[in-house]
Every structure is written in C-alpha cells, then in structure tokens.
C-alpha cells in the first residue's frame, strides 16, 4: 500500500523509515555510484530531508520499504534550483502550483528486475499524481536519468523535457509533468491500478482533509 508521510512523522514508522533510507543508500550509493552521504546507520540522507518533505512510500506486507519518492514545494529549497539550474537554462522554477519530486527509489530487495519494479513504480506515480490533483497542483518537476524513460512511456506520463546533459545511459534530464485528472486516469488505465484505490491511499493518510460530506478540504 501507499503511505504519504511527512518527515516529522517518520518516527511513527521506524521499520519503514529505516529500510527506505537503507534502500536509498544501496540504489544511489552502491548501484548508481552517486556522490551521496551515507551515515553511520547505513542511511542515505541529504540536506533536503531536513526541509520538511513529504514522502510517498510503497509499504510492503512485512512493513518494509518497497519504493518511494520525496516531495518538496518549489517555493522553498529544491535540488533543481540549487544544483540543476543549468538544465533549465538558468531559469528558477518556483511556484506554489509546482512541486519537486526527488530520490525516486525502488527497493533493491525486490526480486524480478524491471518486471517486479514496474508495479511499484506505477503505484508511486499514480499516488504522486493523486496527491497533486488533491492539492491543486498543475505540475511536478524533477531530474531523472535515462533508465526512467521506459517507465514513463509505459505509463503514458512522459514529461516535457526542459534540458538534458550526457549521453546514453549516463544522460540526465530535467522534466515537467502535467498534473490533472486526465493524467491520473491515463496512469490508472495503463497500470491497471484503479483510481478508487489511489483515492483510498490518499484518504487513509489525510483523513482530516475529508469533510463529512466527502469534500476535499483546502490544503494547509
């Protein structure tokens, strides 16, 4: 299932948080060989984990992390503005209607390669789009590497490319994804995950945003 968890709530889910940060260390540090900091607990964390992000996390049946991504509003500090502005021709992306997605991670403990990772990736993207629709966002922005392109295409949610660098598997790009009900419906149809299930994930995490009449309350 999907959980939406703010950074200051992670201590309520110690196993989920521990395995998420450990899986990030394996994916970004060991597998992709990125220049990331891994602490004494084996966790990959950076300064943006201290910026009160919202995590979208696939929790497996045993309570461990299956996949996740980190969400931050672009009105605050973001990776794309601090480190990747050269991919946007120097343009700062800052809008209350655009949030940044980073640290997209699929647990290396999943067996079966792309076939096993695809359902989790699809669930995360549908959940991200659901979140954006509920919060009244228009777009998500992020930097991605070449390995993600076939996932976006398979789900029918390919981004507008703002800029790229590198070639082949080493290429990275900045992308802008539309967030609306049409995009949500397409991801649902392509993935086979019902929109009603995505709504259920959201409502379980944000019950205070649902009024007695079933209306979505304004985002805080």
C-alpha atoms as a PDB file:
ATOM      1  CA  UNK A   1       0.000   0.000   0.000  1.00  0.00           C
ATOM      2  CA  UNK A   2       0.965   3.645  -0.378  1.00  0.00           C
ATOM      3  CA  UNK A   3       1.586   5.871   2.610  1.00  0.00           C
ATOM      4  CA  UNK A   4       2.053   9.634   2.499  1.00  0.00           C
ATOM      5  CA  UNK A   5       4.295  10.575   5.427  1.00  0.00           C
ATOM      6  CA  UNK A   6       5.736  13.954   6.370  1.00  0.00           C
ATOM      7  CA  UNK A   7       9.329  13.981   7.595  1.00  0.00           C
ATOM      8  CA  UNK A   8       8.371  14.714  11.189  1.00  0.00           C
ATOM      9  CA  UNK A   9       6.056  11.668  11.205  1.00  0.00           C
ATOM     10  CA  UNK A  10       8.651   9.108  10.096  1.00  0.00           C
ATOM     11  CA  UNK A  11       9.435   8.129  13.681  1.00  0.00           C
ATOM     12  CA  UNK A  12       5.953   6.582  13.835  1.00  0.00           C
ATOM     13  CA  UNK A  13       7.123   4.076  11.191  1.00  0.00           C
ATOM     14  CA  UNK A  14      10.655   3.084  12.297  1.00  0.00           C
ATOM     15  CA  UNK A  15      10.988  -0.059  10.156  1.00  0.00           C
ATOM     16  CA  UNK A  16       9.606   1.657   7.062  1.00  0.00           C
ATOM     17  CA  UNK A  17      11.869   4.690   7.514  1.00  0.00           C
ATOM     18  CA  UNK A  18      14.974   2.607   8.257  1.00  0.00           C
ATOM     19  CA  UNK A  19      14.550   0.395   5.200  1.00  0.00           C
ATOM     20  CA  UNK A  20      13.759   3.382   2.965  1.00  0.00           C
ATOM     21  CA  UNK A  21      16.968   5.203   3.818  1.00  0.00           C
ATOM     22  CA  UNK A  22      18.965   1.951   3.595  1.00  0.00           C
ATOM     23  CA  UNK A  23      17.494   1.185   0.180  1.00  0.00           C
ATOM     24  CA  UNK A  24      18.361   4.709  -0.946  1.00  0.00           C
ATOM     25  CA  UNK A  25      21.961   4.080   0.137  1.00  0.00           C
ATOM     26  CA  UNK A  26      22.071   0.886  -1.921  1.00  0.00           C
ATOM     27  CA  UNK A  27      20.443   2.372  -5.023  1.00  0.00           C
ATOM     28  CA  UNK A  28      22.148   5.751  -5.190  1.00  0.00           C
ATOM     29  CA  UNK A  29      25.424   4.930  -3.489  1.00  0.00           C
ATOM     30  CA  UNK A  30      26.278   1.320  -4.321  1.00  0.00           C
ATOM     31  CA  UNK A  31      24.426   0.763  -7.608  1.00  0.00           C
ATOM     32  CA  UNK A  32      24.467   4.168  -9.302  1.00  0.00           C
ATOM     33  CA  UNK A  33      27.700   5.324  -7.656  1.00  0.00           C
ATOM     34  CA  UNK A  34      26.374   8.808  -6.981  1.00  0.00           C
ATOM     35  CA  UNK A  35      28.323  11.071  -4.668  1.00  0.00           C
ATOM     36  CA  UNK A  36      25.941  10.714  -1.724  1.00  0.00           C
ATOM     37  CA  UNK A  37      26.458  10.774   2.026  1.00  0.00           C
ATOM     38  CA  UNK A  38      25.745   7.557   3.926  1.00  0.00           C
ATOM     39  CA  UNK A  39      25.650   7.913   7.701  1.00  0.00           C
ATOM     40  CA  UNK A  40      26.663   5.567  10.492  1.00  0.00           C
ATOM     41  CA  UNK A  41      23.251   3.872  10.333  1.00  0.00           C
ATOM     42  CA  UNK A  42      23.692   2.973   6.672  1.00  0.00           C
ATOM     43  CA  UNK A  43      21.155   5.637   5.675  1.00  0.00           C
ATOM     44  CA  UNK A  44      21.408   7.851   2.608  1.00  0.00           C
ATOM     45  CA  UNK A  45      20.167  11.271   3.657  1.00  0.00           C
ATOM     46  CA  UNK A  46      20.862  14.782   2.422  1.00  0.00           C
ATOM     47  CA  UNK A  47      20.005  18.356   3.348  1.00  0.00           C
ATOM     48  CA  UNK A  48      16.636  18.184   1.597  1.00  0.00           C
ATOM     49  CA  UNK A  49      15.489  15.503   4.020  1.00  0.00           C
ATOM     50  CA  UNK A  50      15.718  18.296   6.609  1.00  0.00           C
ATOM     51  CA  UNK A  51      13.433  20.630   4.606  1.00  0.00           C
ATOM     52  CA  UNK A  52      10.179  19.044   5.900  1.00  0.00           C
ATOM     53  CA  UNK A  53       9.475  16.964   2.767  1.00  0.00           C
ATOM     54  CA  UNK A  54       6.516  14.713   2.178  1.00  0.00           C
ATOM     55  CA  UNK A  55       7.448  11.112   1.358  1.00  0.00           C
ATOM     56  CA  UNK A  56       5.299   8.926  -0.877  1.00  0.00           C
ATOM     57  CA  UNK A  57       6.158   5.366   0.149  1.00  0.00           C
ATOM     58  CA  UNK A  58       5.107   1.922  -1.025  1.00  0.00           C
ATOM     59  CA  UNK A  59       4.948  -0.211   2.122  1.00  0.00           C
ATOM     60  CA  UNK A  60       5.286  -3.953   1.641  1.00  0.00           C
ATOM     61  CA  UNK A  61       3.235  -6.504   3.574  1.00  0.00           C
ATOM     62  CA  UNK A  62       6.049  -7.023   6.081  1.00  0.00           C
ATOM     63  CA  UNK A  63       6.185  -3.296   6.845  1.00  0.00           C
ATOM     64  CA  UNK A  64       9.375  -2.619   4.911  1.00  0.00           C
ATOM     65  CA  UNK A  65      10.039  -0.140   2.137  1.00  0.00           C
ATOM     66  CA  UNK A  66       9.265  -1.212  -1.431  1.00  0.00           C
ATOM     67  CA  UNK A  67       9.713   2.122  -3.174  1.00  0.00           C
ATOM     68  CA  UNK A  68       9.442   5.836  -2.514  1.00  0.00           C
ATOM     69  CA  UNK A  69       9.911   9.393  -3.656  1.00  0.00           C
ATOM     70  CA  UNK A  70      10.404  12.704  -1.863  1.00  0.00           C
ATOM     71  CA  UNK A  71       8.208  15.734  -2.485  1.00  0.00           C
ATOM     72  CA  UNK A  72       9.027  19.392  -1.805  1.00  0.00           C
ATOM     73  CA  UNK A  73       7.276  22.619  -2.854  1.00  0.00           C
ATOM     74  CA  UNK A  74       9.346  24.719  -5.240  1.00  0.00           C
ATOM     75  CA  UNK A  75       8.632  27.820  -3.154  1.00  0.00           C
ATOM     76  CA  UNK A  76      11.357  26.553  -0.805  1.00  0.00           C
ATOM     77  CA  UNK A  77      14.767  24.994  -1.326  1.00  0.00           C
ATOM     78  CA  UNK A  78      14.882  22.353  -4.058  1.00  0.00           C
ATOM     79  CA  UNK A  79      17.533  20.309  -5.799  1.00  0.00           C
ATOM     80  CA  UNK A  80      16.571  21.519  -9.264  1.00  0.00           C
ATOM     81  CA  UNK A  81      17.137  25.157  -8.316  1.00  0.00           C
ATOM     82  CA  UNK A  82      20.196  24.578  -6.135  1.00  0.00           C
ATOM     83  CA  UNK A  83      22.074  22.048  -8.262  1.00  0.00           C
ATOM     84  CA  UNK A  84      20.478  21.581 -11.688  1.00  0.00           C
ATOM     85  CA  UNK A  85      19.545  25.060 -12.850  1.00  0.00           C
ATOM     86  CA  UNK A  86      21.885  24.616 -15.808  1.00  0.00           C
ATOM     87  CA  UNK A  87      19.318  22.115 -17.131  1.00  0.00           C
ATOM     88  CA  UNK A  88      16.654  24.852 -17.194  1.00  0.00           C
ATOM     89  CA  UNK A  89      18.835  27.469 -18.898  1.00  0.00           C
ATOM     90  CA  UNK A  90      19.282  29.196 -15.563  1.00  0.00           C
ATOM     91  CA  UNK A  91      15.559  29.664 -15.012  1.00  0.00           C
ATOM     92  CA  UNK A  92      14.442  29.234 -11.404  1.00  0.00           C
ATOM     93  CA  UNK A  93      11.337  27.096 -11.007  1.00  0.00           C
ATOM     94  CA  UNK A  94       9.370  28.490  -8.083  1.00  0.00           C
ATOM     95  CA  UNK A  95       5.584  28.252  -7.929  1.00  0.00           C
ATOM     96  CA  UNK A  96       3.050  27.134  -5.313  1.00  0.00           C
ATOM     97  CA  UNK A  97       1.489  25.059  -8.097  1.00  0.00           C
ATOM     98  CA  UNK A  98       4.680  23.108  -8.933  1.00  0.00           C
ATOM     99  CA  UNK A  99       6.280  20.642  -6.521  1.00  0.00           C
ATOM    100  CA  UNK A 100       9.581  18.834  -6.944  1.00  0.00           C
ATOM    101  CA  UNK A 101       9.970  15.068  -6.876  1.00  0.00           C
ATOM    102  CA  UNK A 102      13.390  13.611  -5.998  1.00  0.00           C
ATOM    103  CA  UNK A 103      15.004  10.418  -4.716  1.00  0.00           C
ATOM    104  CA  UNK A 104      12.742   8.087  -6.690  1.00  0.00           C
ATOM    105  CA  UNK A 105      13.850   4.748  -5.289  1.00  0.00           C
ATOM    106  CA  UNK A 106      12.767   1.162  -5.834  1.00  0.00           C
ATOM    107  CA  UNK A 107      13.916  -1.304  -3.194  1.00  0.00           C
ATOM    108  CA  UNK A 108      16.807  -3.483  -4.389  1.00  0.00           C
ATOM    109  CA  UNK A 109      15.290  -6.234  -2.252  1.00  0.00           C
ATOM    110  CA  UNK A 110      12.500  -6.700  -4.797  1.00  0.00           C
ATOM    111  CA  UNK A 111      13.153  -9.801  -6.888  1.00  0.00           C
ATOM    112  CA  UNK A 112      12.474  -9.918 -10.600  1.00  0.00           C
ATOM    113  CA  UNK A 113      14.133  -6.794 -12.013  1.00  0.00           C
ATOM    114  CA  UNK A 114      12.059  -4.487 -14.199  1.00  0.00           C
ATOM    115  CA  UNK A 115       9.007  -6.770 -14.075  1.00  0.00           C
ATOM    116  CA  UNK A 116       8.907  -6.596 -10.266  1.00  0.00           C
ATOM    117  CA  UNK A 117       9.750  -2.902 -10.086  1.00  0.00           C
ATOM    118  CA  UNK A 118       7.134  -1.752 -12.595  1.00  0.00           C
ATOM    119  CA  UNK A 119       4.031  -2.213 -10.380  1.00  0.00           C
ATOM    120  CA  UNK A 120       5.694  -0.319  -7.535  1.00  0.00           C
ATOM    121  CA  UNK A 121       6.831   2.451  -9.880  1.00  0.00           C
ATOM    122  CA  UNK A 122       3.306   2.705 -11.276  1.00  0.00           C
ATOM    123  CA  UNK A 123       1.767   2.894  -7.811  1.00  0.00           C
ATOM    124  CA  UNK A 124       4.166   5.671  -6.788  1.00  0.00           C
ATOM    125  CA  UNK A 125       3.450   7.713  -9.908  1.00  0.00           C
ATOM    126  CA  UNK A 126      -0.299   7.294  -9.617  1.00  0.00           C
ATOM    127  CA  UNK A 127      -0.077   8.268  -5.951  1.00  0.00           C
ATOM    128  CA  UNK A 128       2.035  11.304  -6.835  1.00  0.00           C
ATOM    129  CA  UNK A 129      -0.499  12.425  -9.427  1.00  0.00           C
ATOM    130  CA  UNK A 130      -3.344  11.816  -6.969  1.00  0.00           C
ATOM    131  CA  UNK A 131      -1.566  13.983  -4.407  1.00  0.00           C
ATOM    132  CA  UNK A 132      -1.059  16.749  -6.945  1.00  0.00           C
ATOM    133  CA  UNK A 133      -4.707  16.743  -8.033  1.00  0.00           C
ATOM    134  CA  UNK A 134      -5.885  16.858  -4.417  1.00  0.00           C
ATOM    135  CA  UNK A 135      -3.521  19.715  -3.560  1.00  0.00           C
ATOM    136  CA  UNK A 136      -4.476  21.693  -6.663  1.00  0.00           C
ATOM    137  CA  UNK A 137      -1.062  21.483  -8.326  1.00  0.00           C
ATOM    138  CA  UNK A 138      -0.538  21.906 -12.056  1.00  0.00           C
ATOM    139  CA  UNK A 139       2.869  20.236 -12.494  1.00  0.00           C
ATOM    140  CA  UNK A 140       5.601  18.170 -10.908  1.00  0.00           C
ATOM    141  CA  UNK A 141       9.245  18.814 -11.701  1.00  0.00           C
ATOM    142  CA  UNK A 142      12.283  16.642 -11.272  1.00  0.00           C
ATOM    143  CA  UNK A 143      15.597  15.437 -12.636  1.00  0.00           C
ATOM    144  CA  UNK A 144      15.723  11.888 -13.941  1.00  0.00           C
ATOM    145  CA  UNK A 145      18.178   9.545 -15.605  1.00  0.00           C
ATOM    146  CA  UNK A 146      17.783   7.572 -18.822  1.00  0.00           C
ATOM    147  CA  UNK A 147      16.653   4.365 -17.109  1.00  0.00           C
ATOM    148  CA  UNK A 148      13.355   6.009 -16.117  1.00  0.00           C
ATOM    149  CA  UNK A 149      12.229   6.893 -19.633  1.00  0.00           C
ATOM    150  CA  UNK A 150      10.712   3.496 -20.476  1.00  0.00           C
ATOM    151  CA  UNK A 151       8.725   3.570 -17.228  1.00  0.00           C
ATOM    152  CA  UNK A 152       7.239   6.978 -18.035  1.00  0.00           C
ATOM    153  CA  UNK A 153       6.377   5.850 -21.552  1.00  0.00           C
ATOM    154  CA  UNK A 154       4.779   2.637 -20.342  1.00  0.00           C
ATOM    155  CA  UNK A 155       2.512   4.626 -18.030  1.00  0.00           C
ATOM    156  CA  UNK A 156       1.671   7.299 -20.585  1.00  0.00           C
ATOM    157  CA  UNK A 157       3.039  10.068 -18.367  1.00  0.00           C
ATOM    158  CA  UNK A 158       6.082  11.372 -20.193  1.00  0.00           C
ATOM    159  CA  UNK A 159       7.448  14.745 -19.103  1.00  0.00           C
ATOM    160  CA  UNK A 160       8.201  17.861 -21.076  1.00  0.00           C
ATOM    161  CA  UNK A 161      11.999  17.905 -21.256  1.00  0.00           C
ATOM    162  CA  UNK A 162      13.411  21.203 -20.008  1.00  0.00           C
ATOM    163  CA  UNK A 163      17.031  20.321 -20.659  1.00  0.00           C
ATOM    164  CA  UNK A 164      19.475  17.406 -20.725  1.00  0.00           C
ATOM    165  CA  UNK A 165      23.149  16.593 -20.375  1.00  0.00           C
ATOM    166  CA  UNK A 166      25.225  13.486 -21.048  1.00  0.00           C
ATOM    167  CA  UNK A 167      24.607  10.653 -23.481  1.00  0.00           C
ATOM    168  CA  UNK A 168      23.121   7.175 -23.420  1.00  0.00           C
ATOM    169  CA  UNK A 169      22.584   5.555 -20.048  1.00  0.00           C
ATOM    170  CA  UNK A 170      24.528   8.369 -18.351  1.00  0.00           C
ATOM    171  CA  UNK A 171      22.174  11.103 -19.606  1.00  0.00           C
ATOM    172  CA  UNK A 172      20.118  13.097 -17.120  1.00  0.00           C
ATOM    173  CA  UNK A 173      17.244  15.436 -17.874  1.00  0.00           C
ATOM    174  CA  UNK A 174      15.016  17.920 -16.109  1.00  0.00           C
ATOM    175  CA  UNK A 175      11.349  17.208 -16.732  1.00  0.00           C
ATOM    176  CA  UNK A 176       7.978  18.814 -16.120  1.00  0.00           C
ATOM    177  CA  UNK A 177       4.963  16.504 -15.697  1.00  0.00           C
ATOM    178  CA  UNK A 178       1.360  17.710 -16.060  1.00  0.00           C
ATOM    179  CA  UNK A 179      -0.902  17.048 -13.097  1.00  0.00           C
ATOM    180  CA  UNK A 180      -4.606  16.797 -13.801  1.00  0.00           C
ATOM    181  CA  UNK A 181      -7.432  14.295 -13.800  1.00  0.00           C
ATOM    182  CA  UNK A 182      -6.639  13.216 -17.361  1.00  0.00           C
ATOM    183  CA  UNK A 183      -3.070  12.293 -16.423  1.00  0.00           C
ATOM    184  CA  UNK A 184      -4.361  10.429 -13.373  1.00  0.00           C
ATOM    185  CA  UNK A 185      -6.836   8.476 -15.488  1.00  0.00           C
ATOM    186  CA  UNK A 186      -4.145   7.567 -18.031  1.00  0.00           C
ATOM    187  CA  UNK A 187      -1.741   6.269 -15.374  1.00  0.00           C
ATOM    188  CA  UNK A 188      -4.578   4.280 -13.819  1.00  0.00           C
ATOM    189  CA  UNK A 189      -5.570   2.739 -17.133  1.00  0.00           C
ATOM    190  CA  UNK A 190      -2.032   1.913 -18.233  1.00  0.00           C
ATOM    191  CA  UNK A 191      -1.038   0.474 -14.854  1.00  0.00           C
ATOM    192  CA  UNK A 192      -4.243  -1.391 -14.080  1.00  0.00           C
ATOM    193  CA  UNK A 193      -4.429   0.295 -10.663  1.00  0.00           C
ATOM    194  CA  UNK A 194      -7.912   1.657 -10.010  1.00  0.00           C
ATOM    195  CA  UNK A 195      -8.308   5.376  -9.373  1.00  0.00           C
ATOM    196  CA  UNK A 196     -10.513   4.431  -6.418  1.00  0.00           C
ATOM    197  CA  UNK A 197      -7.554   2.663  -4.806  1.00  0.00           C
ATOM    198  CA  UNK A 198      -5.361   5.748  -5.222  1.00  0.00           C
ATOM    199  CA  UNK A 199      -8.125   7.790  -3.599  1.00  0.00           C
ATOM    200  CA  UNK A 200      -8.239   5.313  -0.712  1.00  0.00           C
ATOM    201  CA  UNK A 201      -4.467   5.606  -0.168  1.00  0.00           C
ATOM    202  CA  UNK A 202      -4.771   9.373  -0.012  1.00  0.00           C
ATOM    203  CA  UNK A 203      -7.741   9.409   2.332  1.00  0.00           C
ATOM    204  CA  UNK A 204      -6.092   6.969   4.749  1.00  0.00           C
ATOM    205  CA  UNK A 205      -3.100   9.305   5.072  1.00  0.00           C
ATOM    206  CA  UNK A 206      -5.012  12.599   5.112  1.00  0.00           C
ATOM    207  CA  UNK A 207      -8.324  11.860   6.856  1.00  0.00           C
ATOM    208  CA  UNK A 208      -8.562  15.439   8.158  1.00  0.00           C
ATOM    209  CA  UNK A 209      -8.816  16.661   4.568  1.00  0.00           C
ATOM    210  CA  UNK A 210     -12.072  14.795   4.013  1.00  0.00           C
ATOM    211  CA  UNK A 211     -15.186  16.556   5.289  1.00  0.00           C
ATOM    212  CA  UNK A 212     -18.325  14.797   6.496  1.00  0.00           C
ATOM    213  CA  UNK A 213     -19.846  15.484   3.074  1.00  0.00           C
ATOM    214  CA  UNK A 214     -16.901  13.856   1.324  1.00  0.00           C
ATOM    215  CA  UNK A 215     -15.465  17.119   0.024  1.00  0.00           C
ATOM    216  CA  UNK A 216     -11.712  17.696  -0.066  1.00  0.00           C
ATOM    217  CA  UNK A 217     -10.723  20.379   2.411  1.00  0.00           C
ATOM    218  CA  UNK A 218      -8.330  23.144   1.377  1.00  0.00           C
ATOM    219  CA  UNK A 219      -4.637  22.291   1.564  1.00  0.00           C
ATOM    220  CA  UNK A 220      -2.917  23.827   4.554  1.00  0.00           C
END
